[in-house]
Amino acid sequence: MERTRTSTRRLPPEIFELPVVKMREGYYTDAYFNHTREMLIRDGRHPRVVMQVFQKKHSYLGGIDEAIAILKLCADDWDALTVQALYDGDELEPYEPVLTIEGDYTGFAHLETVYLGVLARRTLITSNVVRVLDAANRKPLIFMPARHDHHRVQTGDGYAAYIAGQVVGTQIGVTSDAQASWWGGRGVGTVPHALIASYGGNTVLAATKFAENADPDINITVLVDFENDSVRTALAVARALGPRLWGVRLDTSGQLVDRSLWGELGDFDPRGVNERLVRKVREALDRDGFEQVKIVVSGGFDAERIREFERRSVPVDSYGVGSALIRGENDFTADIVMTDGRPSAKEGRRFRANPRLEVVD
């Protein structure tokens, strides 16, 4: 489907809380860039270059505001640079320039490693989330990779997921306040297994206590697989919480067979969260008058598995996806395509005009 630009507003540089001093010192930079810069300065050589940044896949851009912030705050003289860039969420073609930097190379040579890394990470997340949302037919997504990666990536990754939601026009829920901080949101979640265990495995009691202490505006979603009897537990929770319950979440281990399926083995894989289990929970809730209760599924979901659920019209209202959203690669490259007004790209790389680029103030 055709995408339109989601925003032409950029995040302010201060929101990223960059370690400016260390970035300026080249602490995060590949050593060869630092050596190159130092040698050029010692030799009194200050080539004026045009640097183009691109990647090689059909993707959705993430991290461009962060990359610009790195240049603004850590280059020797931002005002001496001419920078053009696309916007977060822009759809990319292979080899399309997303960022162009023109100026004295020694003034920003020490930042290449950093801004390329930012673009690679955030574009990977944004692109992965867009693909999952498309597979899910724009159903809401709970972005759940926080436990699968280092905590320092949460803020930018959460924003990259949010941008993907803006691209597709779908609601994105993130699970930590850090992930939601750049756009002013809050982390969301479900009644977890740990709380249920803390109440002796009594899901209804844990859910009731959670509801008593939760903010009134929180959508309460309860995990119902703790006792491996999801149909019975979902009904019990729905009866106990009534209209306070927004949804139930199925997260059955891929090594277990839910009790509701024990009499139906033989013609399908009954383990984990599967089509038949979801349908049984939906039918039971509807039969008892809880049609408004949503079903969230999680546990090993990726774009391919979600697409198959959607193809088969499995009655899922929202998907929780974790590690699949941070896997893969979407690397960026930066090439000097002009030096002192003359073409200078290595073989196979030449200046490529991109009318979509806009000058950054």
Protein backbone atom coordinates (compact mmCIF):
# COMPACT_ATOMS: atom_id res chain seq x y z
CA MET A 1 0.00 0.00 0.00
CA GLU A 2 1.12 3.55 -0.64
CA ARG A 3 2.59 5.36 2.37
CA THR A 4 2.47 9.07 3.06
CA ARG A 5 4.90 11.08 5.15
CA THR A 6 3.78 10.88 8.78
CA SER A 7 5.43 14.04 10.09
CA THR A 8 7.65 16.96 9.14
CA ARG A 9 8.45 17.87 12.75
CA ARG A 10 11.73 16.79 14.30
CA LEU A 11 12.47 15.86 17.89
CA PRO A 12 14.66 18.45 19.68
CA PRO A 13 18.29 17.35 20.18
CA GLU A 14 18.12 17.55 23.97
CA ILE A 15 15.51 14.79 24.19
CA PHE A 16 18.13 12.18 23.28
CA GLU A 17 20.36 12.92 26.30
CA LEU A 18 23.47 12.26 24.26
CA PRO A 19 26.87 11.79 25.94
CA VAL A 20 28.09 14.83 24.05
CA VAL A 21 31.58 15.11 25.55
CA LYS A 22 32.46 11.49 24.86
CA MET A 23 31.01 11.65 21.35
CA ARG A 24 33.05 14.74 20.58
CA GLU A 25 36.15 12.95 21.86
CA GLY A 26 35.52 9.99 19.54
CA TYR A 27 34.97 7.57 22.41
CA TYR A 28 32.22 5.68 20.52
CA THR A 29 33.93 5.98 17.12
CA ASP A 30 35.78 3.35 15.12
CA ALA A 31 39.44 4.11 15.75
CA TYR A 32 40.30 4.46 12.06
CA PHE A 33 37.97 7.44 11.73
CA ASN A 34 39.64 9.12 14.69
CA HIS A 35 43.08 8.45 13.21
CA THR A 36 41.98 9.76 9.82
CA ARG A 37 40.64 12.96 11.34
CA GLU A 38 43.75 13.53 13.46
CA MET A 39 46.07 12.96 10.49
CA LEU A 40 44.16 15.37 8.26
CA ILE A 41 44.22 18.06 10.94
CA ARG A 42 47.95 17.60 11.57
CA ASP A 43 48.57 17.86 7.83
CA GLY A 44 46.51 21.03 7.60
CA ARG A 45 44.13 19.41 5.16
CA HIS A 46 40.44 20.29 5.44
CA PRO A 47 38.65 18.80 2.43
CA ARG A 48 35.16 20.05 1.76
CA VAL A 49 33.10 16.96 1.07
CA VAL A 50 29.59 15.82 0.33
CA MET A 51 28.73 12.70 2.33
CA GLN A 52 25.69 10.61 1.42
CA VAL A 53 24.14 8.05 3.77
CA PHE A 54 22.04 5.16 2.46
CA GLN A 55 21.01 1.55 3.04
CA LYS A 56 20.24 -1.34 0.71
CA LYS A 57 16.73 -2.54 1.50
CA HIS A 58 13.10 -1.56 1.15
CA SER A 59 12.70 -0.09 4.62
CA TYR A 60 11.10 2.53 6.85
CA LEU A 61 13.44 5.15 8.23
CA GLY A 62 14.10 5.43 11.93
CA GLY A 63 16.67 7.36 13.94
CA ILE A 64 17.11 10.30 11.59
CA ASP A 65 16.27 12.93 14.24
CA GLU A 66 18.74 11.27 16.59
CA ALA A 67 21.42 11.26 13.87
CA ILE A 68 20.80 14.96 13.23
CA ALA A 69 21.07 15.64 16.97
CA ILE A 70 24.48 13.94 16.99
CA LEU A 71 25.65 16.24 14.22
CA LYS A 72 24.16 19.35 15.81
CA LEU A 73 25.64 18.76 19.26
CA CYS A 74 28.89 16.94 18.47
CA ALA A 75 30.25 18.28 15.18
CA ASP A 76 32.99 20.90 15.43
CA ASP A 77 30.75 23.58 13.91
CA TRP A 78 27.16 22.71 13.04
CA ASP A 79 26.60 26.10 11.42
CA ALA A 80 29.39 25.38 8.93
CA LEU A 81 27.62 22.25 7.69
CA THR A 82 24.82 21.94 5.15
CA VAL A 83 22.68 18.97 6.12
CA GLN A 84 19.71 17.53 4.24
CA ALA A 85 17.61 14.66 5.53
CA LEU A 86 14.42 12.67 5.23
CA TYR A 87 12.05 12.18 8.17
CA ASP A 88 11.48 9.34 10.58
CA GLY A 89 8.91 6.99 9.10
CA ASP A 90 9.72 7.77 5.47
CA GLU A 91 9.54 4.76 3.18
CA LEU A 92 12.94 3.98 1.65
CA GLU A 93 14.05 2.41 -1.58
CA PRO A 94 17.38 0.55 -1.75
CA TYR A 95 20.35 2.92 -2.02
CA GLU A 96 18.17 6.00 -1.56
CA PRO A 97 20.08 8.75 0.27
CA VAL A 98 18.49 9.52 3.63
CA LEU A 99 21.06 12.06 4.84
CA THR A 100 23.54 14.34 3.08
CA ILE A 101 26.27 16.24 4.91
CA GLU A 102 28.33 18.91 3.20
CA GLY A 103 31.25 20.68 4.84
CA ASP A 104 34.78 20.34 6.20
CA TYR A 105 35.23 16.58 6.66
CA THR A 106 37.40 17.00 9.75
CA GLY A 107 34.49 18.67 11.50
CA PHE A 108 32.30 15.55 11.51
CA ALA A 109 34.52 12.59 10.57
CA HIS A 110 34.48 11.40 14.18
CA LEU A 111 30.69 10.97 14.15
CA GLU A 112 30.19 8.54 11.27
CA THR A 113 30.21 5.40 13.41
CA VAL A 114 27.69 6.89 15.80
CA TYR A 115 25.08 8.22 13.40
CA LEU A 116 25.27 5.12 11.19
CA GLY A 117 24.72 2.90 14.23
CA VAL A 118 21.71 4.93 15.31
CA LEU A 119 20.16 4.77 11.84
CA ALA A 120 20.80 1.03 11.54
CA ARG A 121 19.21 0.18 14.88
CA ARG A 122 16.17 2.43 14.69
CA THR A 123 15.43 1.67 11.02
CA LEU A 124 15.56 -2.04 11.80
CA ILE A 125 12.98 -1.62 14.56
CA THR A 126 10.70 0.69 12.58
CA SER A 127 10.78 -1.58 9.53
CA ASN A 128 10.18 -4.75 11.56
CA VAL A 129 7.20 -3.21 13.35
CA VAL A 130 5.66 -1.92 10.10
CA ARG A 131 5.89 -5.42 8.61
CA VAL A 132 4.27 -6.98 11.66
CA LEU A 133 1.48 -4.40 11.68
CA ASP A 134 0.83 -5.02 7.99
CA ALA A 135 0.72 -8.76 8.64
CA ALA A 136 -1.74 -8.13 11.48
CA ASN A 137 -4.07 -6.11 9.25
CA ARG A 138 -3.42 -3.02 11.39
CA LYS A 139 -4.57 -4.60 14.63
CA PRO A 140 -2.99 -3.04 17.76
CA LEU A 141 0.44 -4.27 18.75
CA ILE A 142 2.09 -4.56 22.14
CA PHE A 143 5.82 -3.92 21.63
CA MET A 144 7.48 -6.32 24.06
CA PRO A 145 11.24 -6.61 23.35
CA ALA A 146 12.41 -4.79 26.50
CA ARG A 147 13.43 -7.99 28.29
CA HIS A 148 15.32 -9.24 25.24
CA ASP A 149 17.87 -6.45 25.02
CA HIS A 150 19.93 -3.94 27.00
CA HIS A 151 17.91 -1.32 28.87
CA ARG A 152 19.74 1.57 27.21
CA VAL A 153 18.13 0.86 23.86
CA GLN A 154 14.59 1.13 25.21
CA THR A 155 13.96 4.84 24.64
CA GLY A 156 14.94 4.92 20.99
CA ASP A 157 13.49 1.52 20.17
CA GLY A 158 10.15 2.45 21.70
CA TYR A 159 10.06 5.64 19.65
CA ALA A 160 10.96 3.69 16.50
CA ALA A 161 7.99 1.40 17.19
CA TYR A 162 5.76 4.43 17.74
CA ILE A 163 6.88 5.84 14.37
CA ALA A 164 5.94 2.54 12.74
CA GLY A 165 2.48 2.86 14.26
CA GLN A 166 2.19 6.34 12.77
CA VAL A 167 3.23 4.99 9.37
CA VAL A 168 0.55 2.29 9.37
CA GLY A 169 -2.05 4.25 11.36
CA THR A 170 -2.25 1.69 14.15
CA GLN A 171 -2.05 1.87 17.92
CA ILE A 172 1.25 0.78 19.47
CA GLY A 173 1.53 -0.11 23.13
CA VAL A 174 4.97 -0.28 24.72
CA THR A 175 5.73 -1.99 28.00
CA SER A 176 8.01 0.49 29.78
CA ASP A 177 7.83 4.20 30.48
CA ALA A 178 11.30 4.54 28.95
CA GLN A 179 10.03 3.24 25.62
CA ALA A 180 7.20 5.78 25.67
CA SER A 181 9.18 8.75 26.97
CA TRP A 182 10.08 10.48 23.69
CA TRP A 183 6.46 10.99 22.70
CA GLY A 184 5.06 11.50 26.20
CA GLY A 185 3.30 8.15 26.58
CA ARG A 186 3.30 5.52 29.30
CA GLY A 187 4.16 1.85 29.46
CA VAL A 188 1.28 -0.62 29.33
CA GLY A 189 1.04 -4.25 30.29
CA THR A 190 -0.95 -7.16 31.59
CA VAL A 191 -1.42 -8.85 34.94
CA PRO A 192 1.82 -10.88 34.83
CA HIS A 193 2.58 -14.45 35.77
CA ALA A 194 4.71 -13.21 38.66
CA LEU A 195 1.75 -11.51 40.33
CA ILE A 196 -0.39 -14.61 39.86
CA ALA A 197 2.35 -16.74 41.41
CA SER A 198 2.58 -14.28 44.30
CA TYR A 199 -1.08 -15.00 45.05
CA GLY A 200 -0.51 -18.74 45.09
CA GLY A 201 -1.42 -19.29 41.45
CA ASN A 202 -4.89 -17.79 41.91
CA THR A 203 -5.38 -15.77 38.72
CA VAL A 204 -8.77 -14.40 39.77
CA LEU A 205 -7.45 -13.14 43.11
CA ALA A 206 -4.39 -11.57 41.49
CA ALA A 207 -6.50 -9.91 38.81
CA THR A 208 -8.96 -8.59 41.38
CA LYS A 209 -6.19 -7.10 43.50
CA PHE A 210 -4.59 -5.60 40.41
CA ALA A 211 -7.88 -3.97 39.41
CA GLU A 212 -8.37 -2.56 42.90
CA ASN A 213 -5.02 -0.79 42.73
CA ALA A 214 -4.88 0.18 39.04
CA ASP A 215 -5.67 3.63 37.69
CA PRO A 216 -9.26 3.81 36.44
CA ASP A 217 -8.13 4.67 32.90
CA ILE A 218 -5.92 1.59 32.51
CA ASN A 219 -7.11 -1.14 30.18
CA ILE A 220 -6.78 -4.25 32.34
CA THR A 221 -5.56 -7.31 30.51
CA VAL A 222 -4.98 -10.56 32.37
CA LEU A 223 -2.78 -13.53 31.50
CA VAL A 224 -5.00 -16.61 31.72
CA ASP A 225 -2.59 -19.48 31.00
CA PHE A 226 -0.97 -19.81 34.44
CA GLU A 227 -2.89 -22.98 35.29
CA ASN A 228 -2.75 -24.19 31.67
CA ASP A 229 -6.53 -24.05 31.57
CA SER A 230 -7.14 -20.91 29.57
CA VAL A 231 -10.84 -21.30 28.80
CA ARG A 232 -11.83 -21.87 32.41
CA THR A 233 -9.50 -19.16 33.70
CA ALA A 234 -10.64 -16.60 31.12
CA LEU A 235 -14.27 -17.13 32.10
CA ALA A 236 -13.47 -16.92 35.81
CA VAL A 237 -11.58 -13.65 35.36
CA ALA A 238 -14.32 -12.17 33.18
CA ARG A 239 -16.96 -13.01 35.77
CA ALA A 240 -14.88 -11.55 38.60
CA LEU A 241 -13.87 -8.29 36.90
CA GLY A 242 -16.94 -7.67 34.75
CA PRO A 243 -16.71 -4.46 32.70
CA ARG A 244 -13.36 -3.61 34.30
CA LEU A 245 -11.72 -6.33 32.19
CA TRP A 246 -10.47 -5.12 28.82
CA GLY A 247 -8.87 -8.33 27.62
CA VAL A 248 -7.31 -11.69 28.33
CA ARG A 249 -3.88 -12.69 27.10
CA LEU A 250 -2.91 -16.14 25.92
CA ASP A 251 0.79 -16.91 26.36
CA THR A 252 0.88 -20.70 26.66
CA SER A 253 4.38 -22.17 26.48
CA GLY A 254 5.29 -23.76 23.18
CA GLN A 255 6.02 -26.98 25.09
CA LEU A 256 2.59 -27.26 26.73
CA VAL A 257 -0.89 -28.28 25.59
CA ASP A 258 -3.73 -26.33 27.18
CA ARG A 259 -6.20 -28.45 29.14
CA SER A 260 -9.06 -27.43 26.86
CA LEU A 261 -7.36 -29.29 23.97
CA TRP A 262 -6.55 -32.55 25.70
CA GLY A 263 -9.49 -34.33 24.07
CA GLU A 264 -8.70 -33.05 20.56
CA LEU A 265 -5.17 -34.27 19.90
CA GLY A 266 -4.12 -35.85 16.66
CA ASP A 267 -4.84 -33.62 13.66
CA PHE A 268 -2.97 -30.41 14.57
CA ASP A 269 -0.08 -29.15 16.69
CA PRO A 270 -1.79 -28.45 20.03
CA ARG A 271 1.18 -26.84 21.75
CA GLY A 272 1.45 -23.20 22.71
CA VAL A 273 -0.92 -20.53 21.49
CA ASN A 274 -2.66 -22.00 18.47
CA GLU A 275 -5.73 -21.33 16.38
CA ARG A 276 -7.98 -23.86 18.10
CA LEU A 277 -7.13 -22.57 21.57
CA VAL A 278 -7.93 -18.98 20.58
CA ARG A 279 -11.24 -20.03 19.05
CA LYS A 280 -12.19 -21.99 22.16
CA VAL A 281 -11.51 -19.00 24.42
CA ARG A 282 -13.44 -16.67 22.09
CA GLU A 283 -16.42 -19.03 21.88
CA ALA A 284 -16.55 -19.48 25.65
CA LEU A 285 -16.40 -15.74 26.34
CA ASP A 286 -19.09 -14.99 23.77
CA ARG A 287 -21.32 -17.79 25.04
CA ASP A 288 -21.23 -16.32 28.56
CA GLY A 289 -21.96 -12.76 27.42
CA PHE A 290 -18.41 -11.38 27.42
CA GLU A 291 -18.23 -10.42 23.74
CA GLN A 292 -16.52 -7.14 24.67
CA VAL A 293 -13.49 -8.87 26.19
CA LYS A 294 -10.53 -8.72 23.81
CA ILE A 295 -8.07 -11.53 23.14
CA VAL A 296 -4.35 -10.75 23.08
CA VAL A 297 -1.89 -13.44 22.00
CA SER A 298 1.86 -13.61 22.57
CA GLY A 299 4.71 -16.07 22.69
CA GLY A 300 6.89 -16.59 19.61
CA PHE A 301 4.86 -14.45 17.22
CA ASP A 302 6.48 -12.88 14.17
CA ALA A 303 5.19 -11.45 10.90
CA GLU A 304 4.90 -14.86 9.22
CA ARG A 305 2.96 -16.45 12.07
CA ILE A 306 0.70 -13.43 12.44
CA ARG A 307 0.01 -13.40 8.70
CA GLU A 308 -1.09 -17.03 8.90
CA PHE A 309 -3.41 -16.27 11.84
CA GLU A 310 -4.95 -13.41 9.89
CA ARG A 311 -5.29 -15.50 6.74
CA ARG A 312 -7.29 -18.02 8.75
CA SER A 313 -9.34 -15.26 10.47
CA VAL A 314 -8.31 -16.38 13.94
CA PRO A 315 -10.24 -14.11 16.37
CA VAL A 316 -7.28 -12.19 17.80
CA ASP A 317 -7.72 -8.53 18.72
CA SER A 318 -4.10 -7.66 19.48
CA TYR A 319 -0.67 -9.24 19.17
CA GLY A 320 2.18 -9.07 21.66
CA VAL A 321 5.52 -9.40 19.90
CA GLY A 322 8.94 -9.40 21.51
CA SER A 323 12.28 -10.62 20.23
CA ALA A 324 11.18 -10.89 16.57
CA LEU A 325 11.04 -7.09 16.41
CA ILE A 326 14.72 -6.60 17.25
CA ARG A 327 16.18 -9.36 15.07
CA GLY A 328 17.73 -8.92 11.65
CA GLU A 329 19.89 -6.22 10.15
CA ASN A 330 19.38 -2.97 8.27
CA ASP A 331 22.86 -1.54 7.92
CA PHE A 332 23.67 1.94 6.65
CA THR A 333 26.70 3.12 4.70
CA ALA A 334 28.19 6.59 4.32
CA ASP A 335 30.23 7.51 1.24
CA ILE A 336 32.00 10.71 0.34
CA VAL A 337 30.68 11.37 -3.16
CA MET A 338 32.26 14.80 -3.70
CA THR A 339 35.59 16.25 -2.50
CA ASP A 340 36.36 19.90 -3.08
CA GLY A 341 33.75 19.98 -5.82
CA ARG A 342 34.93 16.88 -7.66
CA PRO A 343 33.39 13.39 -7.74
CA SER A 344 35.26 11.14 -5.34
CA ALA A 345 33.11 8.10 -4.65
CA LYS A 346 34.64 4.65 -4.80
CA GLU A 347 33.75 2.50 -7.78
CA GLY A 348 30.04 1.74 -7.87
CA ARG A 349 29.09 4.69 -5.63
CA ARG A 350 28.22 8.00 -7.20
CA PHE A 351 26.30 11.08 -6.14
CA ARG A 352 22.61 10.30 -6.21
CA ALA A 353 20.14 13.16 -6.12
CA ASN A 354 17.09 12.77 -3.92
CA PRO A 355 14.44 15.50 -4.24
CA ARG A 356 12.76 14.25 -1.05
CA LEU A 357 15.66 15.46 1.12
CA GLU A 358 15.00 18.65 3.06
CA VAL A 359 17.51 21.09 4.50
CA VAL A 360 17.87 20.81 8.28
CA ASP A 361 17.94 24.12 10.16
